[in-house]
Amino acid sequence: MNKAKVVMFIFALAALLSMISIGYAIAIQSIFAIIASVAALGFVMGIGFRTKRKFRENGLL
């Protein structure tokens, strides 16, 4: 497994944990936590897609 795939796995894991935190925030009925979790998910997915594009342009994927 090359380095690019390891990095993409870490981004996928971070996105998964953000999705889980949204469910947890709903369970504890915290509006602030829900908003923060959705923002974290958007941030992680955005950075992940941007990184994937850079890897693809450099021929690493």
PDB file of N, CA and C in Angstrom:
ATOM      1  N   MET A   1       0.853  -1.176   0.000  1.00  0.00           N
ATOM      2  CA  MET A   1       0.000   0.000   0.000  1.00  0.00           C
ATOM      3  C   MET A   1       0.900   1.240   0.000  1.00  0.00           C
ATOM      4  N   ASN A   2       0.671   2.107  -0.990  1.00  0.00           N
ATOM      5  CA  ASN A   2       1.537   3.281  -1.066  1.00  0.00           C
ATOM      6  C   ASN A   2       1.078   4.379  -0.105  1.00  0.00           C
ATOM      7  N   LYS A   3       1.901   5.389   0.018  1.00  0.00           N
ATOM      8  CA  LYS A   3       1.674   6.449   1.000  1.00  0.00           C
ATOM      9  C   LYS A   3       0.375   7.215   0.733  1.00  0.00           C
ATOM     10  N   ALA A   4       0.032   7.425  -0.532  1.00  0.00           N
ATOM     11  CA  ALA A   4      -1.181   8.168  -0.878  1.00  0.00           C
ATOM     12  C   ALA A   4      -2.425   7.439  -0.389  1.00  0.00           C
ATOM     13  N   LYS A   5      -2.435   6.126  -0.518  1.00  0.00           N
ATOM     14  CA  LYS A   5      -3.605   5.361  -0.068  1.00  0.00           C
ATOM     15  C   LYS A   5      -3.733   5.374   1.451  1.00  0.00           C
ATOM     16  N   VAL A   6      -2.627   5.391   2.153  1.00  0.00           N
ATOM     17  CA  VAL A   6      -2.664   5.481   3.617  1.00  0.00           C
ATOM     18  C   VAL A   6      -3.254   6.825   4.038  1.00  0.00           C
ATOM     19  N   VAL A   7      -2.833   7.891   3.365  1.00  0.00           N
ATOM     20  CA  VAL A   7      -3.359   9.222   3.673  1.00  0.00           C
ATOM     21  C   VAL A   7      -4.855   9.273   3.398  1.00  0.00           C
ATOM     22  N   MET A   8      -5.295   8.701   2.276  1.00  0.00           N
ATOM     23  CA  MET A   8      -6.720   8.697   1.946  1.00  0.00           C
ATOM     24  C   MET A   8      -7.508   7.857   2.957  1.00  0.00           C
ATOM     25  N   PHE A   9      -6.920   6.783   3.455  1.00  0.00           N
ATOM     26  CA  PHE A   9      -7.579   5.982   4.486  1.00  0.00           C
ATOM     27  C   PHE A   9      -7.775   6.793   5.760  1.00  0.00           C
ATOM     28  N   ILE A  10      -6.790   7.591   6.118  1.00  0.00           N
ATOM     29  CA  ILE A  10      -6.904   8.424   7.321  1.00  0.00           C
ATOM     30  C   ILE A  10      -8.019   9.450   7.154  1.00  0.00           C
ATOM     31  N   PHE A  11      -8.123  10.060   5.958  1.00  0.00           N
ATOM     32  CA  PHE A  11      -9.213  10.997   5.702  1.00  0.00           C
ATOM     33  C   PHE A  11     -10.574  10.295   5.766  1.00  0.00           C
ATOM     34  N   ALA A  12     -10.653   9.088   5.217  1.00  0.00           N
ATOM     35  CA  ALA A  12     -11.906   8.336   5.264  1.00  0.00           C
ATOM     36  C   ALA A  12     -12.284   7.994   6.704  1.00  0.00           C
ATOM     37  N   LEU A  13     -11.320   7.630   7.501  1.00  0.00           N
ATOM     38  CA  LEU A  13     -11.574   7.316   8.898  1.00  0.00           C
ATOM     39  C   LEU A  13     -12.035   8.557   9.668  1.00  0.00           C
ATOM     40  N   ALA A  14     -11.416   9.692   9.384  1.00  0.00           N
ATOM     41  CA  ALA A  14     -11.816  10.948  10.031  1.00  0.00           C
ATOM     42  C   ALA A  14     -13.245  11.327   9.637  1.00  0.00           C
ATOM     43  N   ALA A  15     -13.598  11.129   8.370  1.00  0.00           N
ATOM     44  CA  ALA A  15     -14.966  11.417   7.926  1.00  0.00           C
ATOM     45  C   ALA A  15     -15.962  10.474   8.602  1.00  0.00           C
ATOM     46  N   LEU A  16     -15.596   9.221   8.736  1.00  0.00           N
ATOM     47  CA  LEU A  16     -16.455   8.255   9.411  1.00  0.00           C
ATOM     48  C   LEU A  16     -16.687   8.652  10.869  1.00  0.00           C
ATOM     49  N   LEU A  17     -15.636   9.056  11.554  1.00  0.00           N
ATOM     50  CA  LEU A  17     -15.775   9.483  12.950  1.00  0.00           C
ATOM     51  C   LEU A  17     -16.625  10.744  13.061  1.00  0.00           C
ATOM     52  N   SER A  18     -16.533  11.625  12.074  1.00  0.00           N
ATOM     53  CA  SER A  18     -17.384  12.819  12.074  1.00  0.00           C
ATOM     54  C   SER A  18     -18.848  12.438  11.912  1.00  0.00           C
ATOM     55  N   MET A  19     -19.125  11.454  11.051  1.00  0.00           N
ATOM     56  CA  MET A  19     -20.507  10.992  10.870  1.00  0.00           C
ATOM     57  C   MET A  19     -21.041  10.353  12.144  1.00  0.00           C
ATOM     58  N   ILE A  20     -20.204   9.588  12.807  1.00  0.00           N
ATOM     59  CA  ILE A  20     -20.608   8.966  14.069  1.00  0.00           C
ATOM     60  C   ILE A  20     -20.886  10.039  15.117  1.00  0.00           C
ATOM     61  N   SER A  21     -20.064  11.087  15.126  1.00  0.00           N
ATOM     62  CA  SER A  21     -20.272  12.156  16.108  1.00  0.00           C
ATOM     63  C   SER A  21     -21.566  12.914  15.854  1.00  0.00           C
ATOM     64  N   ILE A  22     -22.024  12.986  14.602  1.00  0.00           N
ATOM     65  CA  ILE A  22     -23.319  13.608  14.322  1.00  0.00           C
ATOM     66  C   ILE A  22     -24.425  12.801  14.996  1.00  0.00           C
ATOM     67  N   GLY A  23     -24.370  11.489  14.862  1.00  0.00           N
ATOM     68  CA  GLY A  23     -25.362  10.631  15.515  1.00  0.00           C
ATOM     69  C   GLY A  23     -25.325  10.754  17.017  1.00  0.00           C
ATOM     70  N   TYR A  24     -24.141  10.817  17.573  1.00  0.00           N
ATOM     71  CA  TYR A  24     -24.004  10.970  19.025  1.00  0.00           C
ATOM     72  C   TYR A  24     -24.553  12.318  19.477  1.00  0.00           C
ATOM     73  N   ALA A  25     -24.276  13.359  18.703  1.00  0.00           N
ATOM     74  CA  ALA A  25     -24.767  14.695  19.059  1.00  0.00           C
ATOM     75  C   ALA A  25     -26.295  14.745  19.017  1.00  0.00           C
ATOM     76  N   ILE A  26     -26.883  14.040  18.061  1.00  0.00           N
ATOM     77  CA  ILE A  26     -28.341  13.974  18.008  1.00  0.00           C
ATOM     78  C   ILE A  26     -28.876  13.234  19.225  1.00  0.00           C
ATOM     79  N   ALA A  27     -28.179  12.166  19.625  1.00  0.00           N
ATOM     80  CA  ALA A  27     -28.629  11.376  20.775  1.00  0.00           C
ATOM     81  C   ALA A  27     -28.595  12.183  22.072  1.00  0.00           C
ATOM     82  N   ILE A  28     -27.599  13.053  22.228  1.00  0.00           N
ATOM     83  CA  ILE A  28     -27.536  13.842  23.460  1.00  0.00           C
ATOM     84  C   ILE A  28     -28.286  15.167  23.326  1.00  0.00           C
ATOM     85  N   GLN A  29     -28.876  15.400  22.139  1.00  0.00           N
ATOM     86  CA  GLN A  29     -29.717  16.566  21.872  1.00  0.00           C
ATOM     87  C   GLN A  29     -28.980  17.883  22.107  1.00  0.00           C
ATOM     88  N   SER A  30     -27.788  17.978  21.538  1.00  0.00           N
ATOM     89  CA  SER A  30     -26.985  19.184  21.654  1.00  0.00           C
ATOM     90  C   SER A  30     -26.880  19.852  20.278  1.00  0.00           C
ATOM     91  N   ILE A  31     -27.523  20.994  20.136  1.00  0.00           N
ATOM     92  CA  ILE A  31     -27.516  21.707  18.864  1.00  0.00           C
ATOM     93  C   ILE A  31     -26.091  22.134  18.494  1.00  0.00           C
ATOM     94  N   PHE A  32     -25.348  22.634  19.472  1.00  0.00           N
ATOM     95  CA  PHE A  32     -23.964  23.060  19.202  1.00  0.00           C
ATOM     96  C   PHE A  32     -23.118  21.896  18.692  1.00  0.00           C
ATOM     97  N   ALA A  33     -23.249  20.739  19.304  1.00  0.00           N
ATOM     98  CA  ALA A  33     -22.468  19.572  18.892  1.00  0.00           C
ATOM     99  C   ALA A  33     -22.873  19.101  17.496  1.00  0.00           C
ATOM    100  N   ILE A  34     -24.149  19.195  17.183  1.00  0.00           N
ATOM    101  CA  ILE A  34     -24.613  18.802  15.850  1.00  0.00           C
ATOM    102  C   ILE A  34     -23.992  19.715  14.795  1.00  0.00           C
ATOM    103  N   ILE A  35     -24.051  21.012  15.038  1.00  0.00           N
ATOM    104  CA  ILE A  35     -23.495  21.967  14.080  1.00  0.00           C
ATOM    105  C   ILE A  35     -21.989  21.788  13.945  1.00  0.00           C
ATOM    106  N   ALA A  36     -21.309  21.595  15.063  1.00  0.00           N
ATOM    107  CA  ALA A  36     -19.860  21.394  15.026  1.00  0.00           C
ATOM    108  C   ALA A  36     -19.498  20.105  14.286  1.00  0.00           C
ATOM    109  N   SER A  37     -20.277  19.060  14.476  1.00  0.00           N
ATOM    110  CA  SER A  37     -20.001  17.789  13.808  1.00  0.00           C
ATOM    111  C   SER A  37     -20.213  17.887  12.306  1.00  0.00           C
ATOM    112  N   VAL A  38     -21.273  18.564  11.900  1.00  0.00           N
ATOM    113  CA  VAL A  38     -21.534  18.738  10.467  1.00  0.00           C
ATOM    114  C   VAL A  38     -20.437  19.599   9.841  1.00  0.00           C
ATOM    115  N   ALA A  39     -20.001  20.630  10.551  1.00  0.00           N
ATOM    116  CA  ALA A  39     -18.917  21.473  10.045  1.00  0.00           C
ATOM    117  C   ALA A  39     -17.619  20.672   9.936  1.00  0.00           C
ATOM    118  N   ALA A  40     -17.341  19.839  10.925  1.00  0.00           N
ATOM    119  CA  ALA A  40     -16.137  19.005  10.884  1.00  0.00           C
ATOM    120  C   ALA A  40     -16.195  18.029   9.711  1.00  0.00           C
ATOM    121  N   LEU A  41     -17.360  17.457   9.465  1.00  0.00           N
ATOM    122  CA  LEU A  41     -17.518  16.535   8.345  1.00  0.00           C
ATOM    123  C   LEU A  41     -17.268  17.254   7.024  1.00  0.00           C
ATOM    124  N   GLY A  42     -17.839  18.431   6.862  1.00  0.00           N
ATOM    125  CA  GLY A  42     -17.622  19.197   5.638  1.00  0.00           C
ATOM    126  C   GLY A  42     -16.165  19.558   5.448  1.00  0.00           C
ATOM    127  N   PHE A  43     -15.498  19.936   6.516  1.00  0.00           N
ATOM    128  CA  PHE A  43     -14.079  20.292   6.458  1.00  0.00           C
ATOM    129  C   PHE A  43     -13.224  19.093   6.069  1.00  0.00           C
ATOM    130  N   VAL A  44     -13.444  17.968   6.739  1.00  0.00           N
ATOM    131  CA  VAL A  44     -12.636  16.767   6.477  1.00  0.00           C
ATOM    132  C   VAL A  44     -12.867  16.267   5.050  1.00  0.00           C
ATOM    133  N   MET A  45     -14.126  16.238   4.607  1.00  0.00           N
ATOM    134  CA  MET A  45     -14.403  15.750   3.260  1.00  0.00           C
ATOM    135  C   MET A  45     -13.828  16.704   2.218  1.00  0.00           C
ATOM    136  N   GLY A  46     -13.911  18.003   2.468  1.00  0.00           N
ATOM    137  CA  GLY A  46     -13.354  18.970   1.528  1.00  0.00           C
ATOM    138  C   GLY A  46     -11.849  18.828   1.384  1.00  0.00           C
ATOM    139  N   ILE A  47     -11.158  18.730   2.508  1.00  0.00           N
ATOM    140  CA  ILE A  47      -9.707  18.552   2.471  1.00  0.00           C
ATOM    141  C   ILE A  47      -9.347  17.211   1.828  1.00  0.00           C
ATOM    142  N   GLY A  48     -10.128  16.183   2.108  1.00  0.00           N
ATOM    143  CA  GLY A  48      -9.870  14.865   1.522  1.00  0.00           C
ATOM    144  C   GLY A  48     -10.014  14.866   0.012  1.00  0.00           C
ATOM    145  N   PHE A  49     -11.071  15.483  -0.500  1.00  0.00           N
ATOM    146  CA  PHE A  49     -11.258  15.540  -1.947  1.00  0.00           C
ATOM    147  C   PHE A  49     -10.176  16.392  -2.616  1.00  0.00           C
ATOM    148  N   ARG A  50      -9.783  17.479  -1.965  1.00  0.00           N
ATOM    149  CA  ARG A  50      -8.726  18.328  -2.507  1.00  0.00           C
ATOM    150  C   ARG A  50      -7.401  17.561  -2.557  1.00  0.00           C
ATOM    151  N   THR A  51      -7.118  16.801  -1.507  1.00  0.00           N
ATOM    152  CA  THR A  51      -5.888  16.010  -1.466  1.00  0.00           C
ATOM    153  C   THR A  51      -5.919  14.912  -2.526  1.00  0.00           C
ATOM    154  N   LYS A  52      -7.073  14.284  -2.710  1.00  0.00           N
ATOM    155  CA  LYS A  52      -7.189  13.242  -3.720  1.00  0.00           C
ATOM    156  C   LYS A  52      -6.946  13.805  -5.116  1.00  0.00           C
ATOM    157  N   ARG A  53      -7.463  15.001  -5.383  1.00  0.00           N
ATOM    158  CA  ARG A  53      -7.228  15.630  -6.679  1.00  0.00           C
ATOM    159  C   ARG A  53      -5.736  15.888  -6.897  1.00  0.00           C
ATOM    160  N   LYS A  54      -5.042  16.361  -5.860  1.00  0.00           N
ATOM    161  CA  LYS A  54      -3.607  16.610  -5.980  1.00  0.00           C
ATOM    162  C   LYS A  54      -2.836  15.320  -6.209  1.00  0.00           C
ATOM    163  N   PHE A  55      -3.218  14.263  -5.511  1.00  0.00           N
ATOM    164  CA  PHE A  55      -2.562  12.963  -5.713  1.00  0.00           C
ATOM    165  C   PHE A  55      -2.782  12.468  -7.144  1.00  0.00           C
ATOM    166  N   ARG A  56      -4.004  12.625  -7.651  1.00  0.00           N
ATOM    167  CA  ARG A  56      -4.321  12.172  -9.003  1.00  0.00           C
ATOM    168  C   ARG A  56      -3.522  12.981 -10.045  1.00  0.00           C
ATOM    169  N   GLU A  57      -3.410  14.297  -9.825  1.00  0.00           N
ATOM    170  CA  GLU A  57      -2.648  15.134 -10.756  1.00  0.00           C
ATOM    171  C   GLU A  57      -1.168  14.777 -10.763  1.00  0.00           C
ATOM    172  N   ASN A  58      -0.642  14.349  -9.614  1.00  0.00           N
ATOM    173  CA  ASN A  58       0.766  13.961  -9.519  1.00  0.00           C
ATOM    174  C   ASN A  58       0.997  12.503  -9.898  1.00  0.00           C
ATOM    175  N   GLY A  59      -0.052  11.767 -10.212  1.00  0.00           N
ATOM    176  CA  GLY A  59       0.088  10.374 -10.623  1.00  0.00           C
ATOM    177  C   GLY A  59       0.352   9.408  -9.486  1.00  0.00           C
ATOM    178  N   LEU A  60      -0.017   9.776  -8.276  1.00  0.00           N
ATOM    179  CA  LEU A  60       0.220   8.887  -7.136  1.00  0.00           C
ATOM    180  C   LEU A  60      -0.926   7.908  -6.896  1.00  0.00           C
ATOM    181  N   LEU A  61      -2.094   8.166  -7.478  1.00  0.00           N
ATOM    182  CA  LEU A  61      -3.223   7.243  -7.326  1.00  0.00           C
ATOM    183  C   LEU A  61      -3.455   6.464  -8.590  1.00  0.00           C
TER     184      LEU A  61
END
